[in-house]
Amino acid sequence: MAISLTDAIEILVEKATLYERPELATYRKDADEITRKIVEGLGEAGPIFITEFEDLKATSLFWTHPFPQFRVPVLWLNMTFQIEDSGLAVGEKIPKLKLKTNLRCSPANGSDINGEHFNTLFTFHINRACEEMQNFGCSSGNRYKVTSDTTLQDKRLFYTITASQYVGNGFNKITPIFYHFILGFKFMNNNHCYSYSSDGFAKFCRPLDISKPHRLAQMLSVLGKLLMNLNINPAMAVDTAYRVMSYSTEFTEILIEAIRLCVPSASNPRDLSAVHIKMLNWKKDDAVVLSELLELFSIP
């Protein structure tokens, strides 16, 4: 029996929130072990910054924690020294914000903190941590090659950590686990957080507690699951999900638009286009058999 598409989508979202394919549970556990090992490697960086397990885990973009709690993925570093800044209001648009410290260390240029040195220092240590994980074994029996890379986007340095799974004599064609983030800084004596771009430091309020449910993150996670169940690769699913979340207040509209955007670059464009047309027809009729909708997105 057909029901309204809106009601069917609500059921789909509820089921997708709870659903996890069996093989993904293994990847989730593997990712926890990989995250812990990376954090241990970063811990050898010395007394300048501390990375927490949950902070790195929150930047993973695939099976473990499909979408971060923040609009821009950020890895928060707890800096082990005090600072002083200009005292400008949070959110004020300024071309550059200088931070000062009494600590004499490599990220400081005299008393001024050098953000480029922060990036260089972190890059060195994350690369070294990943170099120690070229054949990292998990308790599941899966083995991974972990690598790191950086790209400059909108004057910010983005980090990508990739865990490629060994399968037989080569790698799995689909990377099951990866992380994507910019750096954020939290200092000992300051209630604000900072990020750095080539324009200088920017200051804003502390981020949301990642241990608490967040509606946007939940919707992003559900959308990501549904897109990936249509055989859309994770990177495309992540990028598309962020692009369409402001498209509409209705999840049905968001889902249909996300599918449409993925069609041109998908590995299965004809199949995905057929899904898009089917969704449009259901929307036009405002009627769908629930079992057909669930089957379309591989949700039991």
C-alpha atoms as a PDB file:
ATOM      1  CA  MET A   1       0.000   0.000   0.000  1.00  0.00           C
ATOM      2  CA  ALA A   2       1.324   3.433  -0.925  1.00  0.00           C
ATOM      3  CA  ILE A   3       1.816   6.167   1.655  1.00  0.00           C
ATOM      4  CA  SER A   4       2.827   9.801   1.254  1.00  0.00           C
ATOM      5  CA  LEU A   5       6.447  10.358   0.295  1.00  0.00           C
ATOM      6  CA  THR A   6       6.928  12.688   3.268  1.00  0.00           C
ATOM      7  CA  ASP A   7       5.832   9.986   5.722  1.00  0.00           C
ATOM      8  CA  ALA A   8       7.943   7.391   3.929  1.00  0.00           C
ATOM      9  CA  ILE A   9      11.035   9.606   4.060  1.00  0.00           C
ATOM     10  CA  GLU A  10      10.556  10.078   7.809  1.00  0.00           C
ATOM     11  CA  ILE A  11      10.586   6.301   8.245  1.00  0.00           C
ATOM     12  CA  LEU A  12      13.589   6.008   5.932  1.00  0.00           C
ATOM     13  CA  VAL A  13      15.527   8.574   7.984  1.00  0.00           C
ATOM     14  CA  GLU A  14      14.640   6.816  11.250  1.00  0.00           C
ATOM     15  CA  LYS A  15      15.775   3.433   9.945  1.00  0.00           C
ATOM     16  CA  ALA A  16      18.927   4.859   8.323  1.00  0.00           C
ATOM     17  CA  THR A  17      19.906   6.511  11.611  1.00  0.00           C
ATOM     18  CA  LEU A  18      20.014   3.097  13.301  1.00  0.00           C
ATOM     19  CA  TYR A  19      21.285   1.095  10.344  1.00  0.00           C
ATOM     20  CA  GLU A  20      24.870   0.012   9.910  1.00  0.00           C
ATOM     21  CA  ARG A  21      25.990  -2.576   7.401  1.00  0.00           C
ATOM     22  CA  PRO A  22      27.784  -5.448   9.155  1.00  0.00           C
ATOM     23  CA  GLU A  23      31.090  -4.856   7.374  1.00  0.00           C
ATOM     24  CA  LEU A  24      31.046  -1.228   8.470  1.00  0.00           C
ATOM     25  CA  ALA A  25      31.111  -2.196  12.140  1.00  0.00           C
ATOM     26  CA  THR A  26      34.524  -3.745  11.480  1.00  0.00           C
ATOM     27  CA  TYR A  27      35.781  -0.588   9.809  1.00  0.00           C
ATOM     28  CA  ARG A  28      34.486   1.482  12.722  1.00  0.00           C
ATOM     29  CA  LYS A  29      36.552  -0.569  15.162  1.00  0.00           C
ATOM     30  CA  ASP A  30      39.574  -0.449  12.863  1.00  0.00           C
ATOM     31  CA  ALA A  31      39.273   3.321  12.644  1.00  0.00           C
ATOM     32  CA  ASP A  32      39.280   3.628  16.430  1.00  0.00           C
ATOM     33  CA  GLU A  33      42.548   1.671  16.550  1.00  0.00           C
ATOM     34  CA  ILE A  34      44.066   3.742  13.730  1.00  0.00           C
ATOM     35  CA  THR A  35      42.981   6.963  15.457  1.00  0.00           C
ATOM     36  CA  ARG A  36      44.568   5.908  18.742  1.00  0.00           C
ATOM     37  CA  LYS A  37      47.833   5.019  17.014  1.00  0.00           C
ATOM     38  CA  ILE A  38      47.961   8.384  15.220  1.00  0.00           C
ATOM     39  CA  VAL A  39      47.280  10.204  18.493  1.00  0.00           C
ATOM     40  CA  GLU A  40      50.087   8.228  20.138  1.00  0.00           C
ATOM     41  CA  GLY A  41      52.418   9.262  17.323  1.00  0.00           C
ATOM     42  CA  LEU A  42      51.443  12.905  17.692  1.00  0.00           C
ATOM     43  CA  GLY A  43      52.051  12.587  21.423  1.00  0.00           C
ATOM     44  CA  GLU A  44      55.738  12.219  20.659  1.00  0.00           C
ATOM     45  CA  ALA A  45      55.774  15.776  19.279  1.00  0.00           C
ATOM     46  CA  GLY A  46      56.774  17.119  22.672  1.00  0.00           C
ATOM     47  CA  PRO A  47      55.182  19.665  24.993  1.00  0.00           C
ATOM     48  CA  ILE A  48      53.879  22.162  22.420  1.00  0.00           C
ATOM     49  CA  PHE A  49      50.446  20.650  21.631  1.00  0.00           C
ATOM     50  CA  ILE A  50      48.226  17.769  22.747  1.00  0.00           C
ATOM     51  CA  THR A  51      45.778  15.930  20.480  1.00  0.00           C
ATOM     52  CA  GLU A  52      42.789  14.120  21.996  1.00  0.00           C
ATOM     53  CA  PHE A  53      41.396  10.858  20.611  1.00  0.00           C
ATOM     54  CA  GLU A  54      37.809  12.156  20.329  1.00  0.00           C
ATOM     55  CA  ASP A  55      38.938  15.343  18.556  1.00  0.00           C
ATOM     56  CA  LEU A  56      40.719  13.398  15.809  1.00  0.00           C
ATOM     57  CA  LYS A  57      37.938  10.813  15.575  1.00  0.00           C
ATOM     58  CA  ALA A  58      35.418  13.609  14.975  1.00  0.00           C
ATOM     59  CA  THR A  59      37.243  14.616  11.772  1.00  0.00           C
ATOM     60  CA  SER A  60      36.926  11.197  10.130  1.00  0.00           C
ATOM     61  CA  LEU A  61      34.754  11.305   7.062  1.00  0.00           C
ATOM     62  CA  PHE A  62      33.723   7.729   6.547  1.00  0.00           C
ATOM     63  CA  TRP A  63      32.516   4.711   8.444  1.00  0.00           C
ATOM     64  CA  THR A  64      33.572   5.600  11.978  1.00  0.00           C
ATOM     65  CA  HIS A  65      31.975   9.007  12.291  1.00  0.00           C
ATOM     66  CA  PRO A  66      30.718   9.788   8.796  1.00  0.00           C
ATOM     67  CA  PHE A  67      30.376  13.539   9.283  1.00  0.00           C
ATOM     68  CA  PRO A  68      31.997  15.809  11.813  1.00  0.00           C
ATOM     69  CA  GLN A  69      29.914  17.868  14.218  1.00  0.00           C
ATOM     70  CA  PHE A  70      31.270  21.100  12.750  1.00  0.00           C
ATOM     71  CA  ARG A  71      30.489  22.848   9.469  1.00  0.00           C
ATOM     72  CA  VAL A  72      34.201  22.813   8.633  1.00  0.00           C
ATOM     73  CA  PRO A  73      36.155  19.771   9.871  1.00  0.00           C
ATOM     74  CA  VAL A  74      38.572  21.007  12.538  1.00  0.00           C
ATOM     75  CA  LEU A  75      41.179  19.120  14.556  1.00  0.00           C
ATOM     76  CA  TRP A  76      41.451  20.942  17.865  1.00  0.00           C
ATOM     77  CA  LEU A  77      44.947  21.087  19.342  1.00  0.00           C
ATOM     78  CA  ASN A  78      45.311  21.822  23.040  1.00  0.00           C
ATOM     79  CA  MET A  79      48.316  24.164  23.238  1.00  0.00           C
ATOM     80  CA  THR A  80      50.383  23.854  26.393  1.00  0.00           C
ATOM     81  CA  PHE A  81      51.184  27.529  26.890  1.00  0.00           C
ATOM     82  CA  GLN A  82      49.421  30.821  27.508  1.00  0.00           C
ATOM     83  CA  ILE A  83      48.737  33.633  25.091  1.00  0.00           C
ATOM     84  CA  GLU A  84      47.437  37.168  24.912  1.00  0.00           C
ATOM     85  CA  ASP A  85      45.572  38.652  21.962  1.00  0.00           C
ATOM     86  CA  SER A  86      44.213  42.025  20.918  1.00  0.00           C
ATOM     87  CA  GLY A  87      40.960  41.502  22.794  1.00  0.00           C
ATOM     88  CA  LEU A  88      38.785  42.136  19.723  1.00  0.00           C
ATOM     89  CA  ALA A  89      35.240  40.825  19.880  1.00  0.00           C
ATOM     90  CA  VAL A  90      34.418  37.313  18.754  1.00  0.00           C
ATOM     91  CA  GLY A  91      33.152  37.289  15.185  1.00  0.00           C
ATOM     92  CA  GLU A  92      34.526  40.717  14.357  1.00  0.00           C
ATOM     93  CA  LYS A  93      35.802  40.775  10.791  1.00  0.00           C
ATOM     94  CA  ILE A  94      39.470  41.656  10.872  1.00  0.00           C
ATOM     95  CA  PRO A  95      42.219  41.033   8.316  1.00  0.00           C
ATOM     96  CA  LYS A  96      44.700  39.767  10.888  1.00  0.00           C
ATOM     97  CA  LEU A  97      44.825  38.932  14.592  1.00  0.00           C
ATOM     98  CA  LYS A  98      48.219  38.632  16.279  1.00  0.00           C
ATOM     99  CA  LEU A  99      48.746  36.327  19.229  1.00  0.00           C
ATOM    100  CA  LYS A 100      51.607  36.768  21.669  1.00  0.00           C
ATOM    101  CA  THR A 101      53.271  34.518  24.219  1.00  0.00           C
ATOM    102  CA  ASN A 102      56.132  34.618  26.683  1.00  0.00           C
ATOM    103  CA  LEU A 103      57.139  31.109  25.634  1.00  0.00           C
ATOM    104  CA  ARG A 104      60.309  30.861  23.582  1.00  0.00           C
ATOM    105  CA  CYS A 105      59.607  28.070  21.136  1.00  0.00           C
ATOM    106  CA  SER A 106      59.770  27.379  17.429  1.00  0.00           C
ATOM    107  CA  PRO A 107      56.174  28.526  16.730  1.00  0.00           C
ATOM    108  CA  ALA A 108      56.967  31.925  18.255  1.00  0.00           C
ATOM    109  CA  ASN A 109      58.735  34.716  16.414  1.00  0.00           C
ATOM    110  CA  GLY A 110      59.986  36.787  19.303  1.00  0.00           C
ATOM    111  CA  SER A 111      56.772  37.247  21.310  1.00  0.00           C
ATOM    112  CA  ASP A 112      54.496  36.891  18.252  1.00  0.00           C
ATOM    113  CA  ILE A 113      53.095  33.439  17.511  1.00  0.00           C
ATOM    114  CA  ASN A 114      53.811  32.335  13.963  1.00  0.00           C
ATOM    115  CA  GLY A 115      50.892  30.344  12.532  1.00  0.00           C
ATOM    116  CA  GLU A 116      52.967  29.097   9.616  1.00  0.00           C
ATOM    117  CA  HIS A 117      55.359  27.527  12.098  1.00  0.00           C
ATOM    118  CA  PHE A 118      52.407  25.809  13.787  1.00  0.00           C
ATOM    119  CA  ASN A 119      51.417  24.291  10.446  1.00  0.00           C
ATOM    120  CA  THR A 120      55.002  23.257   9.667  1.00  0.00           C
ATOM    121  CA  LEU A 121      55.448  21.660  13.086  1.00  0.00           C
ATOM    122  CA  PHE A 122      52.184  19.730  12.909  1.00  0.00           C
ATOM    123  CA  THR A 123      52.848  18.640   9.311  1.00  0.00           C
ATOM    124  CA  PHE A 124      56.228  17.231  10.319  1.00  0.00           C
ATOM    125  CA  HIS A 125      54.790  15.224  13.213  1.00  0.00           C
ATOM    126  CA  ILE A 126      51.674  13.959  11.401  1.00  0.00           C
ATOM    127  CA  ASN A 127      53.836  12.804   8.491  1.00  0.00           C
ATOM    128  CA  ARG A 128      56.178  11.024  10.883  1.00  0.00           C
ATOM    129  CA  ALA A 129      53.254   9.370  12.702  1.00  0.00           C
ATOM    130  CA  CYS A 130      51.842   8.119   9.394  1.00  0.00           C
ATOM    131  CA  GLU A 131      55.224   6.883   8.170  1.00  0.00           C
ATOM    132  CA  GLU A 132      55.226   4.508  11.141  1.00  0.00           C
ATOM    133  CA  MET A 133      51.917   3.036   9.934  1.00  0.00           C
ATOM    134  CA  GLN A 134      52.777   1.763   6.458  1.00  0.00           C
ATOM    135  CA  ASN A 135      51.591  -1.729   7.371  1.00  0.00           C
ATOM    136  CA  PHE A 136      49.399  -1.179  10.404  1.00  0.00           C
ATOM    137  CA  GLY A 137      47.536  -4.238  11.663  1.00  0.00           C
ATOM    138  CA  CYS A 138      44.207  -4.048  13.497  1.00  0.00           C
ATOM    139  CA  SER A 139      42.705  -6.610  15.851  1.00  0.00           C
ATOM    140  CA  SER A 140      40.200  -7.466  13.080  1.00  0.00           C
ATOM    141  CA  GLY A 141      43.059  -8.836  10.984  1.00  0.00           C
ATOM    142  CA  ASN A 142      42.786  -5.978   8.456  1.00  0.00           C
ATOM    143  CA  ARG A 143      45.995  -4.161   7.542  1.00  0.00           C
ATOM    144  CA  TYR A 144      46.332  -0.565   6.344  1.00  0.00           C
ATOM    145  CA  LYS A 145      48.790   1.837   4.797  1.00  0.00           C
ATOM    146  CA  VAL A 146      48.296   5.249   6.421  1.00  0.00           C
ATOM    147  CA  THR A 147      49.427   8.378   4.568  1.00  0.00           C
ATOM    148  CA  SER A 148      48.962  12.124   5.014  1.00  0.00           C
ATOM    149  CA  ASP A 149      48.741  15.027   2.588  1.00  0.00           C
ATOM    150  CA  THR A 150      47.997  18.760   2.613  1.00  0.00           C
ATOM    151  CA  THR A 151      46.161  21.093   0.241  1.00  0.00           C
ATOM    152  CA  LEU A 152      45.755  24.863   0.359  1.00  0.00           C
ATOM    153  CA  GLN A 153      42.137  25.992   0.033  1.00  0.00           C
ATOM    154  CA  ASP A 154      40.854  29.522   0.627  1.00  0.00           C
ATOM    155  CA  LYS A 155      44.101  30.505   2.351  1.00  0.00           C
ATOM    156  CA  ARG A 156      43.790  27.604   4.819  1.00  0.00           C
ATOM    157  CA  LEU A 157      45.883  24.466   4.969  1.00  0.00           C
ATOM    158  CA  PHE A 158      43.718  21.326   4.898  1.00  0.00           C
ATOM    159  CA  TYR A 159      45.085  17.983   6.067  1.00  0.00           C
ATOM    160  CA  THR A 160      43.955  14.615   4.722  1.00  0.00           C
ATOM    161  CA  ILE A 161      44.922  11.327   6.372  1.00  0.00           C
ATOM    162  CA  THR A 162      44.114   8.233   4.323  1.00  0.00           C
ATOM    163  CA  ALA A 163      44.014   4.625   5.530  1.00  0.00           C
ATOM    164  CA  SER A 164      44.147   2.305   2.496  1.00  0.00           C
ATOM    165  CA  GLN A 165      43.332  -1.311   3.193  1.00  0.00           C
ATOM    166  CA  TYR A 166      45.622  -4.099   2.008  1.00  0.00           C
ATOM    167  CA  VAL A 167      43.695  -6.772   0.090  1.00  0.00           C
ATOM    168  CA  GLY A 168      45.742  -9.657  -1.247  1.00  0.00           C
ATOM    169  CA  ASN A 169      48.775  -8.213  -2.999  1.00  0.00           C
ATOM    170  CA  GLY A 170      47.407  -4.688  -3.315  1.00  0.00           C
ATOM    171  CA  PHE A 171      45.138  -2.064  -1.790  1.00  0.00           C
ATOM    172  CA  ASN A 172      41.400  -1.923  -1.605  1.00  0.00           C
ATOM    173  CA  LYS A 173      40.171   0.339  -4.407  1.00  0.00           C
ATOM    174  CA  ILE A 174      37.837   2.108  -1.942  1.00  0.00           C
ATOM    175  CA  THR A 175      39.637   3.685   0.999  1.00  0.00           C
ATOM    176  CA  PRO A 176      37.483   2.740   3.987  1.00  0.00           C
ATOM    177  CA  ILE A 177      38.833   5.320   6.445  1.00  0.00           C
ATOM    178  CA  PHE A 178      40.114   8.843   6.049  1.00  0.00           C
ATOM    179  CA  TYR A 179      40.252  12.154   7.911  1.00  0.00           C
ATOM    180  CA  HIS A 180      39.973  15.707   6.594  1.00  0.00           C
ATOM    181  CA  PHE A 181      40.494  18.852   8.682  1.00  0.00           C
ATOM    182  CA  ILE A 182      42.099  22.209   9.297  1.00  0.00           C
ATOM    183  CA  LEU A 183      43.858  22.935  12.564  1.00  0.00           C
ATOM    184  CA  GLY A 184      42.165  24.726  15.445  1.00  0.00           C
ATOM    185  CA  PHE A 185      43.997  25.936  18.546  1.00  0.00           C
ATOM    186  CA  LYS A 186      42.909  26.073  22.198  1.00  0.00           C
ATOM    187  CA  PHE A 187      45.268  27.776  24.666  1.00  0.00           C
ATOM    188  CA  MET A 188      45.620  27.250  28.408  1.00  0.00           C
ATOM    189  CA  ASN A 189      44.454  30.673  29.597  1.00  0.00           C
ATOM    190  CA  ASN A 190      41.846  31.525  26.969  1.00  0.00           C
ATOM    191  CA  ASN A 191      38.155  30.702  26.563  1.00  0.00           C
ATOM    192  CA  HIS A 192      38.199  31.121  22.798  1.00  0.00           C
ATOM    193  CA  CYS A 193      39.394  28.951  19.940  1.00  0.00           C
ATOM    194  CA  TYR A 194      41.541  30.051  17.043  1.00  0.00           C
ATOM    195  CA  SER A 195      42.166  28.996  13.484  1.00  0.00           C
ATOM    196  CA  TYR A 196      44.880  30.216  11.163  1.00  0.00           C
ATOM    197  CA  SER A 197      44.959  31.296   7.536  1.00  0.00           C
ATOM    198  CA  SER A 198      47.500  33.281   5.560  1.00  0.00           C
ATOM    199  CA  ASP A 199      45.610  36.404   6.710  1.00  0.00           C
ATOM    200  CA  GLY A 200      46.369  35.614  10.356  1.00  0.00           C
ATOM    201  CA  PHE A 201      44.528  34.077  13.308  1.00  0.00           C
ATOM    202  CA  ALA A 202      40.735  34.172  13.653  1.00  0.00           C
ATOM    203  CA  LYS A 203      38.968  33.898  16.993  1.00  0.00           C
ATOM    204  CA  PHE A 204      35.582  32.355  17.768  1.00  0.00           C
ATOM    205  CA  CYS A 205      33.631  30.666  20.561  1.00  0.00           C
ATOM    206  CA  ARG A 206      34.389  27.172  21.767  1.00  0.00           C
ATOM    207  CA  PRO A 207      32.972  24.436  19.512  1.00  0.00           C
ATOM    208  CA  LEU A 208      30.008  22.263  20.302  1.00  0.00           C
ATOM    209  CA  ASP A 209      30.559  19.310  22.604  1.00  0.00           C
ATOM    210  CA  ILE A 210      31.101  16.485  20.116  1.00  0.00           C
ATOM    211  CA  SER A 211      29.871  13.944  22.656  1.00  0.00           C
ATOM    212  CA  LYS A 212      26.327  15.366  22.436  1.00  0.00           C
ATOM    213  CA  PRO A 213      23.891  14.668  19.584  1.00  0.00           C
ATOM    214  CA  HIS A 214      23.634  17.485  17.073  1.00  0.00           C
ATOM    215  CA  ARG A 215      20.762  17.627  14.595  1.00  0.00           C
ATOM    216  CA  LEU A 216      22.822  18.930  11.683  1.00  0.00           C
ATOM    217  CA  ALA A 217      25.437  16.234  12.185  1.00  0.00           C
ATOM    218  CA  GLN A 218      22.731  13.562  12.395  1.00  0.00           C
ATOM    219  CA  MET A 219      21.118  14.753   9.160  1.00  0.00           C
ATOM    220  CA  LEU A 220      24.515  14.862   7.448  1.00  0.00           C
ATOM    221  CA  SER A 221      25.223  11.346   8.651  1.00  0.00           C
ATOM    222  CA  VAL A 222      21.895   9.996   7.386  1.00  0.00           C
ATOM    223  CA  LEU A 223      22.295  11.749   4.034  1.00  0.00           C
ATOM    224  CA  GLY A 224      25.806  10.334   3.716  1.00  0.00           C
ATOM    225  CA  LYS A 225      24.621   6.794   4.416  1.00  0.00           C
ATOM    226  CA  LEU A 226      21.849   7.043   1.837  1.00  0.00           C
ATOM    227  CA  LEU A 227      24.165   8.438  -0.840  1.00  0.00           C
ATOM    228  CA  MET A 228      26.843   5.822  -0.189  1.00  0.00           C
ATOM    229  CA  ASN A 229      24.201   3.086  -0.353  1.00  0.00           C
ATOM    230  CA  LEU A 230      23.625   4.296  -3.922  1.00  0.00           C
ATOM    231  CA  ASN A 231      27.296   3.462  -4.608  1.00  0.00           C
ATOM    232  CA  ILE A 232      28.403   7.093  -4.476  1.00  0.00           C
ATOM    233  CA  ASN A 233      31.992   7.303  -3.266  1.00  0.00           C
ATOM    234  CA  PRO A 234      32.488   8.713   0.256  1.00  0.00           C
ATOM    235  CA  ALA A 235      34.375  11.870  -0.747  1.00  0.00           C
ATOM    236  CA  MET A 236      31.622  12.857  -3.200  1.00  0.00           C
ATOM    237  CA  ALA A 237      28.942  12.004  -0.642  1.00  0.00           C
ATOM    238  CA  VAL A 238      30.599  14.208   1.992  1.00  0.00           C
ATOM    239  CA  ASP A 239      31.081  17.146  -0.357  1.00  0.00           C
ATOM    240  CA  THR A 240      27.566  16.923  -1.771  1.00  0.00           C
ATOM    241  CA  ALA A 241      25.956  16.591   1.662  1.00  0.00           C
ATOM    242  CA  TYR A 242      27.551  19.807   2.869  1.00  0.00           C
ATOM    243  CA  ARG A 243      26.582  21.621  -0.337  1.00  0.00           C
ATOM    244  CA  VAL A 244      22.884  20.759  -0.172  1.00  0.00           C
ATOM    245  CA  MET A 245      22.064  20.999   3.545  1.00  0.00           C
ATOM    246  CA  SER A 246      21.029  24.631   3.087  1.00  0.00           C
ATOM    247  CA  TYR A 247      19.090  23.871  -0.103  1.00  0.00           C
ATOM    248  CA  SER A 248      15.798  23.322   1.703  1.00  0.00           C
ATOM    249  CA  THR A 249      14.266  22.724   5.113  1.00  0.00           C
ATOM    250  CA  GLU A 250      12.670  19.532   3.792  1.00  0.00           C
ATOM    251  CA  PHE A 251      14.861  16.426   3.848  1.00  0.00           C
ATOM    252  CA  THR A 252      13.051  15.015   0.808  1.00  0.00           C
ATOM    253  CA  GLU A 253      14.092  18.048  -1.237  1.00  0.00           C
ATOM    254  CA  ILE A 254      17.653  17.827   0.080  1.00  0.00           C
ATOM    255  CA  LEU A 255      17.948  14.127  -0.782  1.00  0.00           C
ATOM    256  CA  ILE A 256      16.617  14.550  -4.333  1.00  0.00           C
ATOM    257  CA  GLU A 257      18.928  17.502  -4.976  1.00  0.00           C
ATOM    258  CA  ALA A 258      21.939  15.610  -3.580  1.00  0.00           C
ATOM    259  CA  ILE A 259      21.272  12.690  -5.941  1.00  0.00           C
ATOM    260  CA  ARG A 260      20.932  15.065  -8.908  1.00  0.00           C
ATOM    261  CA  LEU A 261      24.263  16.738  -8.118  1.00  0.00           C
ATOM    262  CA  CYS A 262      26.045  13.389  -7.905  1.00  0.00           C
ATOM    263  CA  VAL A 263      24.852  12.064 -11.274  1.00  0.00           C
ATOM    264  CA  PRO A 264      27.428  13.755 -13.591  1.00  0.00           C
ATOM    265  CA  SER A 265      30.482  12.558 -11.649  1.00  0.00           C
ATOM    266  CA  ALA A 266      29.185   9.197 -10.431  1.00  0.00           C
ATOM    267  CA  SER A 267      30.715   5.891 -11.507  1.00  0.00           C
ATOM    268  CA  ASN A 268      27.172   4.690 -12.264  1.00  0.00           C
ATOM    269  CA  PRO A 269      25.512   7.793 -13.815  1.00  0.00           C
ATOM    270  CA  ARG A 270      22.744   5.907 -15.640  1.00  0.00           C
ATOM    271  CA  ASP A 271      21.679   3.976 -12.559  1.00  0.00           C
ATOM    272  CA  LEU A 272      21.838   7.104 -10.398  1.00  0.00           C
ATOM    273  CA  SER A 273      19.872   9.117 -12.956  1.00  0.00           C
ATOM    274  CA  ALA A 274      17.186   6.431 -12.867  1.00  0.00           C
ATOM    275  CA  VAL A 275      17.032   6.764  -9.079  1.00  0.00           C
ATOM    276  CA  HIS A 276      16.695  10.542  -9.423  1.00  0.00           C
ATOM    277  CA  ILE A 277      13.820  10.188 -11.915  1.00  0.00           C
ATOM    278  CA  LYS A 278      12.077   7.651  -9.680  1.00  0.00           C
ATOM    279  CA  MET A 279      12.335  10.012  -6.702  1.00  0.00           C
ATOM    280  CA  LEU A 280      10.935  12.893  -8.787  1.00  0.00           C
ATOM    281  CA  ASN A 281       7.973  10.753  -9.853  1.00  0.00           C
ATOM    282  CA  TRP A 282       7.258   9.746  -6.249  1.00  0.00           C
ATOM    283  CA  LYS A 283       7.453  13.390  -5.245  1.00  0.00           C
ATOM    284  CA  LYS A 284       5.055  14.400  -8.034  1.00  0.00           C
ATOM    285  CA  ASP A 285       2.534  11.739  -6.983  1.00  0.00           C
ATOM    286  CA  ASP A 286       3.304  12.208  -3.270  1.00  0.00           C
ATOM    287  CA  ALA A 287       2.918   8.463  -2.978  1.00  0.00           C
ATOM    288  CA  VAL A 288       5.329   5.558  -2.625  1.00  0.00           C
ATOM    289  CA  VAL A 289       5.313   1.966  -1.434  1.00  0.00           C
ATOM    290  CA  LEU A 290       7.552   2.053   1.639  1.00  0.00           C
ATOM    291  CA  SER A 291       9.229  -1.272   0.884  1.00  0.00           C
ATOM    292  CA  GLU A 292      10.259   0.037  -2.557  1.00  0.00           C
ATOM    293  CA  LEU A 293      11.803   3.176  -1.052  1.00  0.00           C
ATOM    294  CA  LEU A 294      13.738   1.176   1.554  1.00  0.00           C
ATOM    295  CA  GLU A 295      14.912  -1.307  -1.073  1.00  0.00           C
ATOM    296  CA  LEU A 296      16.093   1.543  -3.322  1.00  0.00           C
ATOM    297  CA  PHE A 297      18.455   2.768  -0.580  1.00  0.00           C
ATOM    298  CA  SER A 298      19.370  -0.737   0.678  1.00  0.00           C
ATOM    299  CA  ILE A 299      17.891  -0.088   4.144  1.00  0.00           C
ATOM    300  CA  PRO A 300      16.383  -3.235   5.719  1.00  0.00           C
END
